[in-house]
């Protein structure tokens, strides 16, 4: 069973995510994150505030200190920040940070962002 969004759908969802004013300007929806589901990441943090013309989502899976399957994904600019929707694979941990393509990174002061991925079964 899919996790419901915490913020709604469409443009209303993006506005609600932005208005939530999460620390670092990063909102992930839905949470908890479940294997095989799509999540949306909204970013309105340091790079957005500095006027970046493009923001990339840098992702990896597994131990927060040793990422696997690392990818860099282009985010889309919206009126509420930068956004990317992606499907979560069958892994145990989702890690990410952001960069502007010019060597400027927002990595949550060296901690990145890291979420446990659930398998969807109740324990």
N, C-alpha and C. Protein backbone atom coordinates (compact mmCIF):
# COMPACT_ATOMS: atom_id res chain seq x y z
N UNK A 1 0.85 -1.18 0.00
CA UNK A 1 0.00 0.00 0.00
C UNK A 1 0.89 1.24 0.00
N UNK A 2 0.57 2.18 -0.85
CA UNK A 2 1.37 3.40 -1.01
C UNK A 2 1.21 4.33 0.19
N UNK A 3 2.31 4.99 0.52
CA UNK A 3 2.22 6.02 1.56
C UNK A 3 1.53 7.23 0.97
N UNK A 4 0.60 7.82 1.69
CA UNK A 4 -0.07 9.02 1.17
C UNK A 4 0.88 10.21 1.22
N UNK A 5 0.66 11.15 0.30
CA UNK A 5 1.43 12.38 0.33
C UNK A 5 1.04 13.17 1.58
N UNK A 6 1.98 13.90 2.11
CA UNK A 6 1.68 14.77 3.25
C UNK A 6 1.26 16.16 2.80
N UNK A 7 1.34 16.41 1.47
CA UNK A 7 1.17 17.78 0.99
C UNK A 7 0.16 17.94 -0.14
N UNK A 8 -0.50 16.90 -0.62
CA UNK A 8 -1.47 17.06 -1.69
C UNK A 8 -0.88 16.68 -3.03
N UNK A 9 -1.38 17.29 -4.11
CA UNK A 9 -0.92 16.97 -5.46
C UNK A 9 -0.71 18.23 -6.29
N UNK A 10 -0.04 18.07 -7.41
CA UNK A 10 0.14 19.14 -8.38
C UNK A 10 0.84 20.37 -7.81
N UNK A 11 0.46 21.54 -8.35
CA UNK A 11 1.04 22.80 -7.90
C UNK A 11 0.76 23.06 -6.43
N UNK A 12 -0.41 22.64 -5.96
CA UNK A 12 -0.73 22.83 -4.54
C UNK A 12 0.30 22.10 -3.68
N UNK A 13 0.70 20.89 -4.11
CA UNK A 13 1.68 20.11 -3.37
C UNK A 13 3.00 20.87 -3.27
N UNK A 14 3.49 21.39 -4.39
CA UNK A 14 4.78 22.10 -4.38
C UNK A 14 4.71 23.35 -3.51
N UNK A 15 3.62 24.08 -3.58
CA UNK A 15 3.47 25.27 -2.74
C UNK A 15 3.44 24.88 -1.26
N UNK A 16 2.69 23.83 -0.94
CA UNK A 16 2.60 23.37 0.46
C UNK A 16 3.95 22.88 0.96
N UNK A 17 4.71 22.19 0.11
CA UNK A 17 6.03 21.73 0.50
C UNK A 17 6.94 22.93 0.79
N UNK A 18 6.90 23.93 -0.09
CA UNK A 18 7.70 25.15 0.10
C UNK A 18 7.29 25.86 1.38
N UNK A 19 5.99 26.03 1.58
CA UNK A 19 5.49 26.76 2.74
C UNK A 19 5.77 26.06 4.07
N UNK A 20 6.09 24.76 4.01
CA UNK A 20 6.42 24.02 5.24
C UNK A 20 7.72 24.52 5.87
N UNK A 21 8.56 25.17 5.07
CA UNK A 21 9.82 25.77 5.56
C UNK A 21 10.66 24.78 6.38
N UNK A 22 10.91 23.61 5.82
CA UNK A 22 11.74 22.61 6.50
C UNK A 22 13.18 23.10 6.60
N UNK A 23 13.93 22.63 7.59
CA UNK A 23 15.33 23.04 7.77
C UNK A 23 16.16 22.76 6.52
N UNK A 24 16.98 23.71 6.12
CA UNK A 24 17.84 23.56 4.95
C UNK A 24 17.11 23.73 3.64
N UNK A 25 15.79 23.99 3.70
CA UNK A 25 15.01 24.15 2.48
C UNK A 25 14.81 22.86 1.72
N UNK A 26 14.82 21.71 2.42
CA UNK A 26 14.69 20.40 1.78
C UNK A 26 13.45 19.70 2.33
N UNK A 27 12.55 19.32 1.40
CA UNK A 27 11.34 18.59 1.79
C UNK A 27 11.24 17.33 0.93
N UNK A 28 11.02 16.19 1.57
CA UNK A 28 10.85 14.91 0.88
C UNK A 28 9.43 14.44 1.15
N UNK A 29 8.72 14.04 0.08
CA UNK A 29 7.34 13.61 0.24
C UNK A 29 7.07 12.44 -0.70
N UNK A 30 6.45 11.35 -0.26
CA UNK A 30 6.01 11.12 1.11
C UNK A 30 7.15 10.55 1.97
N UNK A 31 6.98 10.67 3.24
CA UNK A 31 7.81 9.98 4.22
C UNK A 31 6.87 9.25 5.17
N UNK A 32 7.22 8.07 5.65
CA UNK A 32 8.47 7.37 5.37
C UNK A 32 8.56 6.95 3.91
N UNK A 33 9.80 6.74 3.45
CA UNK A 33 10.07 6.34 2.07
C UNK A 33 9.96 4.82 1.98
N UNK A 34 9.24 4.34 0.96
CA UNK A 34 9.00 2.91 0.79
C UNK A 34 9.54 2.44 -0.56
N UNK A 35 10.18 1.28 -0.56
CA UNK A 35 10.71 0.66 -1.77
C UNK A 35 9.68 0.66 -2.88
N UNK A 36 10.10 1.05 -4.10
CA UNK A 36 9.24 0.99 -5.28
C UNK A 36 8.32 2.18 -5.46
N UNK A 37 8.26 3.07 -4.50
CA UNK A 37 7.37 4.23 -4.62
C UNK A 37 8.12 5.44 -5.16
N UNK A 38 7.35 6.37 -5.70
CA UNK A 38 7.91 7.64 -6.16
C UNK A 38 7.92 8.61 -5.00
N UNK A 39 9.00 9.37 -4.92
CA UNK A 39 9.07 10.46 -3.96
C UNK A 39 9.35 11.75 -4.72
N UNK A 40 8.99 12.86 -4.11
CA UNK A 40 9.29 14.17 -4.65
C UNK A 40 10.20 14.88 -3.66
N UNK A 41 11.28 15.45 -4.18
CA UNK A 41 12.19 16.25 -3.37
C UNK A 41 12.09 17.69 -3.84
N UNK A 42 11.78 18.59 -2.91
CA UNK A 42 11.76 20.02 -3.20
C UNK A 42 12.94 20.65 -2.49
N UNK A 43 13.72 21.44 -3.24
CA UNK A 43 14.91 22.07 -2.69
C UNK A 43 14.82 23.58 -2.88
N UNK A 44 14.91 24.31 -1.78
CA UNK A 44 14.92 25.77 -1.80
C UNK A 44 15.97 26.26 -0.80
N UNK A 45 17.13 25.58 -0.80
CA UNK A 45 18.18 25.85 0.17
C UNK A 45 19.22 26.84 -0.30
N UNK A 46 20.46 26.66 0.18
CA UNK A 46 21.55 27.61 -0.05
C UNK A 46 21.81 27.91 -1.52
N UNK A 47 21.85 26.89 -2.37
CA UNK A 47 22.15 27.11 -3.78
C UNK A 47 21.04 27.90 -4.46
N UNK A 48 19.79 27.59 -4.11
CA UNK A 48 18.66 28.33 -4.68
C UNK A 48 18.71 29.79 -4.23
N UNK A 49 19.03 30.00 -2.95
CA UNK A 49 19.09 31.36 -2.41
C UNK A 49 20.23 32.16 -3.04
N UNK A 50 21.29 31.47 -3.50
CA UNK A 50 22.42 32.18 -4.10
C UNK A 50 22.22 32.45 -5.58
N UNK A 51 21.05 32.05 -6.12
CA UNK A 51 20.72 32.36 -7.51
C UNK A 51 21.22 31.35 -8.53
N UNK A 52 21.42 30.10 -8.13
CA UNK A 52 21.88 29.06 -9.06
C UNK A 52 20.96 28.99 -10.27
N UNK A 53 21.55 28.87 -11.46
CA UNK A 53 20.75 28.77 -12.68
C UNK A 53 20.34 27.33 -12.97
N UNK A 54 20.97 26.37 -12.29
CA UNK A 54 20.60 24.96 -12.36
C UNK A 54 21.01 24.31 -11.06
N UNK A 55 20.21 23.37 -10.59
CA UNK A 55 20.55 22.59 -9.40
C UNK A 55 20.43 21.12 -9.77
N UNK A 56 21.39 20.34 -9.29
CA UNK A 56 21.42 18.90 -9.52
C UNK A 56 21.26 18.18 -8.19
N UNK A 57 20.52 17.08 -8.22
CA UNK A 57 20.35 16.20 -7.07
C UNK A 57 21.37 15.09 -7.22
N UNK A 58 22.24 14.94 -6.24
CA UNK A 58 23.29 13.92 -6.24
C UNK A 58 22.84 12.84 -5.26
N UNK A 59 22.58 11.62 -5.75
CA UNK A 59 21.98 10.56 -4.93
C UNK A 59 22.85 9.32 -4.88
N UNK A 60 22.69 8.56 -3.81
CA UNK A 60 23.33 7.26 -3.66
C UNK A 60 22.55 6.45 -2.64
N UNK A 61 22.84 5.17 -2.58
CA UNK A 61 22.10 4.26 -1.71
C UNK A 61 23.05 3.48 -0.82
N UNK A 62 22.55 3.03 0.31
CA UNK A 62 23.34 2.23 1.23
C UNK A 62 23.85 3.05 2.39
N UNK A 63 24.93 2.56 3.00
CA UNK A 63 25.53 3.23 4.15
C UNK A 63 25.79 4.69 3.85
N UNK A 64 25.45 5.57 4.79
CA UNK A 64 25.60 7.01 4.58
C UNK A 64 27.04 7.42 4.31
N UNK A 65 28.01 6.62 4.74
CA UNK A 65 29.41 6.93 4.51
C UNK A 65 30.02 6.26 3.29
N UNK A 66 29.24 5.41 2.61
CA UNK A 66 29.77 4.62 1.49
C UNK A 66 28.65 4.39 0.47
N UNK A 67 28.35 5.42 -0.31
CA UNK A 67 27.23 5.36 -1.26
C UNK A 67 27.50 4.38 -2.40
N UNK A 68 26.41 3.71 -2.85
CA UNK A 68 26.41 2.86 -4.03
C UNK A 68 25.45 3.44 -5.06
N UNK A 69 25.61 3.02 -6.31
CA UNK A 69 24.70 3.43 -7.39
C UNK A 69 24.53 4.95 -7.41
N UNK A 70 25.64 5.67 -7.37
CA UNK A 70 25.62 7.13 -7.30
C UNK A 70 25.23 7.71 -8.66
N UNK A 71 24.30 8.67 -8.62
CA UNK A 71 23.82 9.34 -9.84
C UNK A 71 23.65 10.82 -9.55
N UNK A 72 23.77 11.60 -10.61
CA UNK A 72 23.47 13.03 -10.53
C UNK A 72 22.29 13.30 -11.45
N UNK A 73 21.24 13.88 -10.91
CA UNK A 73 19.99 14.09 -11.64
C UNK A 73 19.67 15.58 -11.72
N UNK A 74 19.30 16.04 -12.90
CA UNK A 74 18.92 17.43 -13.10
C UNK A 74 17.57 17.70 -12.45
N UNK A 75 17.49 18.77 -11.68
CA UNK A 75 16.23 19.16 -11.05
C UNK A 75 15.53 20.21 -11.93
N UNK A 76 14.23 20.36 -11.75
CA UNK A 76 13.44 21.34 -12.51
C UNK A 76 13.13 22.54 -11.63
N UNK A 77 13.24 23.72 -12.19
CA UNK A 77 12.93 24.94 -11.46
C UNK A 77 11.41 25.16 -11.46
N UNK A 78 10.88 25.49 -10.30
CA UNK A 78 9.47 25.84 -10.17
C UNK A 78 9.39 27.17 -9.45
N UNK A 79 8.22 27.71 -9.29
CA UNK A 79 8.03 28.94 -8.55
C UNK A 79 8.27 28.78 -7.06
N UNK A 80 8.44 27.54 -6.60
CA UNK A 80 8.60 27.27 -5.17
C UNK A 80 9.96 26.66 -4.83
N UNK A 81 10.81 26.49 -5.81
CA UNK A 81 12.12 25.89 -5.60
C UNK A 81 12.41 24.88 -6.70
N UNK A 82 13.45 24.12 -6.50
CA UNK A 82 13.86 23.09 -7.46
C UNK A 82 13.23 21.76 -7.05
N UNK A 83 12.79 20.97 -8.04
CA UNK A 83 12.05 19.76 -7.73
C UNK A 83 12.54 18.59 -8.59
N UNK A 84 12.51 17.39 -7.99
CA UNK A 84 12.80 16.16 -8.71
C UNK A 84 11.94 15.05 -8.12
N UNK A 85 11.33 14.26 -8.99
CA UNK A 85 10.56 13.09 -8.59
C UNK A 85 11.30 11.86 -9.09
N UNK A 86 11.46 10.87 -8.23
CA UNK A 86 12.15 9.65 -8.63
C UNK A 86 11.58 8.45 -7.89
N UNK A 87 11.77 7.28 -8.49
CA UNK A 87 11.33 6.03 -7.86
C UNK A 87 12.46 5.48 -7.01
N UNK A 88 12.12 4.99 -5.84
CA UNK A 88 13.10 4.47 -4.89
C UNK A 88 13.29 2.97 -5.11
N UNK A 89 14.56 2.55 -5.36
CA UNK A 89 14.82 1.12 -5.57
C UNK A 89 14.80 0.34 -4.26
N UNK A 90 14.97 -0.96 -4.39
CA UNK A 90 14.98 -1.84 -3.22
C UNK A 90 16.34 -1.76 -2.54
N UNK A 91 16.51 -0.81 -1.70
CA UNK A 91 17.75 -0.57 -0.97
C UNK A 91 17.40 -0.33 0.49
N UNK A 92 18.40 -0.08 1.32
CA UNK A 92 18.12 0.13 2.74
C UNK A 92 18.20 1.59 3.15
N UNK A 93 18.92 2.43 2.37
CA UNK A 93 19.09 3.83 2.76
C UNK A 93 19.22 4.69 1.52
N UNK A 94 18.60 5.86 1.53
CA UNK A 94 18.64 6.83 0.44
C UNK A 94 19.39 8.06 0.93
N UNK A 95 20.47 8.42 0.24
CA UNK A 95 21.32 9.54 0.62
C UNK A 95 21.36 10.54 -0.52
N UNK A 96 21.40 11.83 -0.19
CA UNK A 96 21.47 12.82 -1.26
C UNK A 96 22.02 14.15 -0.77
N UNK A 97 22.45 14.95 -1.75
CA UNK A 97 22.86 16.33 -1.54
C UNK A 97 22.64 17.06 -2.87
N UNK A 98 23.09 18.29 -2.97
CA UNK A 98 22.80 19.11 -4.14
C UNK A 98 24.06 19.84 -4.61
N UNK A 99 24.14 20.13 -5.91
CA UNK A 99 25.20 21.00 -6.42
C UNK A 99 24.67 21.78 -7.62
N UNK A 100 25.42 22.83 -7.99
CA UNK A 100 24.98 23.70 -9.08
C UNK A 100 25.71 23.47 -10.39
N UNK A 101 26.60 22.48 -10.45
CA UNK A 101 27.36 22.20 -11.66
C UNK A 101 28.61 23.04 -11.80
N UNK A 102 28.83 23.96 -10.86
CA UNK A 102 30.00 24.84 -10.90
C UNK A 102 30.88 24.66 -9.67
N UNK A 103 30.79 23.52 -9.01
CA UNK A 103 31.63 23.24 -7.86
C UNK A 103 31.07 23.71 -6.53
N UNK A 104 29.87 24.26 -6.53
CA UNK A 104 29.22 24.69 -5.28
C UNK A 104 28.23 23.60 -4.84
N UNK A 105 28.38 23.17 -3.59
CA UNK A 105 27.58 22.07 -3.06
C UNK A 105 26.78 22.52 -1.84
N UNK A 106 25.63 21.91 -1.65
CA UNK A 106 24.89 21.99 -0.39
C UNK A 106 24.77 20.55 0.08
N UNK A 107 25.60 20.20 1.06
CA UNK A 107 25.64 18.83 1.56
C UNK A 107 25.27 18.78 3.05
N UNK A 108 24.43 19.74 3.47
CA UNK A 108 23.93 19.73 4.84
C UNK A 108 25.09 19.77 5.84
N UNK A 109 26.03 20.68 5.55
CA UNK A 109 27.21 20.87 6.42
C UNK A 109 28.02 19.59 6.59
N UNK A 110 28.13 18.81 5.49
CA UNK A 110 28.92 17.60 5.50
C UNK A 110 28.17 16.34 5.91
N UNK A 111 26.92 16.48 6.32
CA UNK A 111 26.14 15.32 6.76
C UNK A 111 25.25 14.75 5.66
N UNK A 112 25.06 15.48 4.56
CA UNK A 112 24.13 15.10 3.50
C UNK A 112 22.73 14.90 4.10
N UNK A 113 21.81 14.42 3.32
CA UNK A 113 20.49 14.03 3.81
C UNK A 113 20.40 12.53 3.62
N UNK A 114 19.84 11.83 4.59
CA UNK A 114 19.82 10.38 4.56
C UNK A 114 18.51 9.88 5.18
N UNK A 115 17.83 9.00 4.44
CA UNK A 115 16.56 8.45 4.89
C UNK A 115 16.58 6.94 4.81
N UNK A 116 16.03 6.29 5.81
CA UNK A 116 15.84 4.84 5.77
C UNK A 116 14.75 4.54 4.75
N UNK A 117 14.95 3.47 3.98
CA UNK A 117 13.94 3.02 3.02
C UNK A 117 13.24 1.80 3.62
N UNK A 118 11.93 1.85 3.68
CA UNK A 118 11.15 0.75 4.25
C UNK A 118 10.68 -0.17 3.14
N UNK A 119 10.49 -1.44 3.47
CA UNK A 119 10.07 -2.42 2.47
C UNK A 119 8.56 -2.46 2.29
N UNK A 120 7.82 -1.71 3.06
CA UNK A 120 6.37 -1.65 2.91
C UNK A 120 5.61 -2.68 3.72
N UNK A 121 6.32 -3.63 4.33
CA UNK A 121 5.63 -4.62 5.16
C UNK A 121 5.57 -4.12 6.60
N UNK A 122 4.51 -4.45 7.25
CA UNK A 122 4.37 -4.10 8.67
C UNK A 122 5.11 -5.12 9.51
N UNK A 123 5.73 -4.67 10.56
CA UNK A 123 6.50 -5.59 11.43
C UNK A 123 5.67 -6.06 12.58
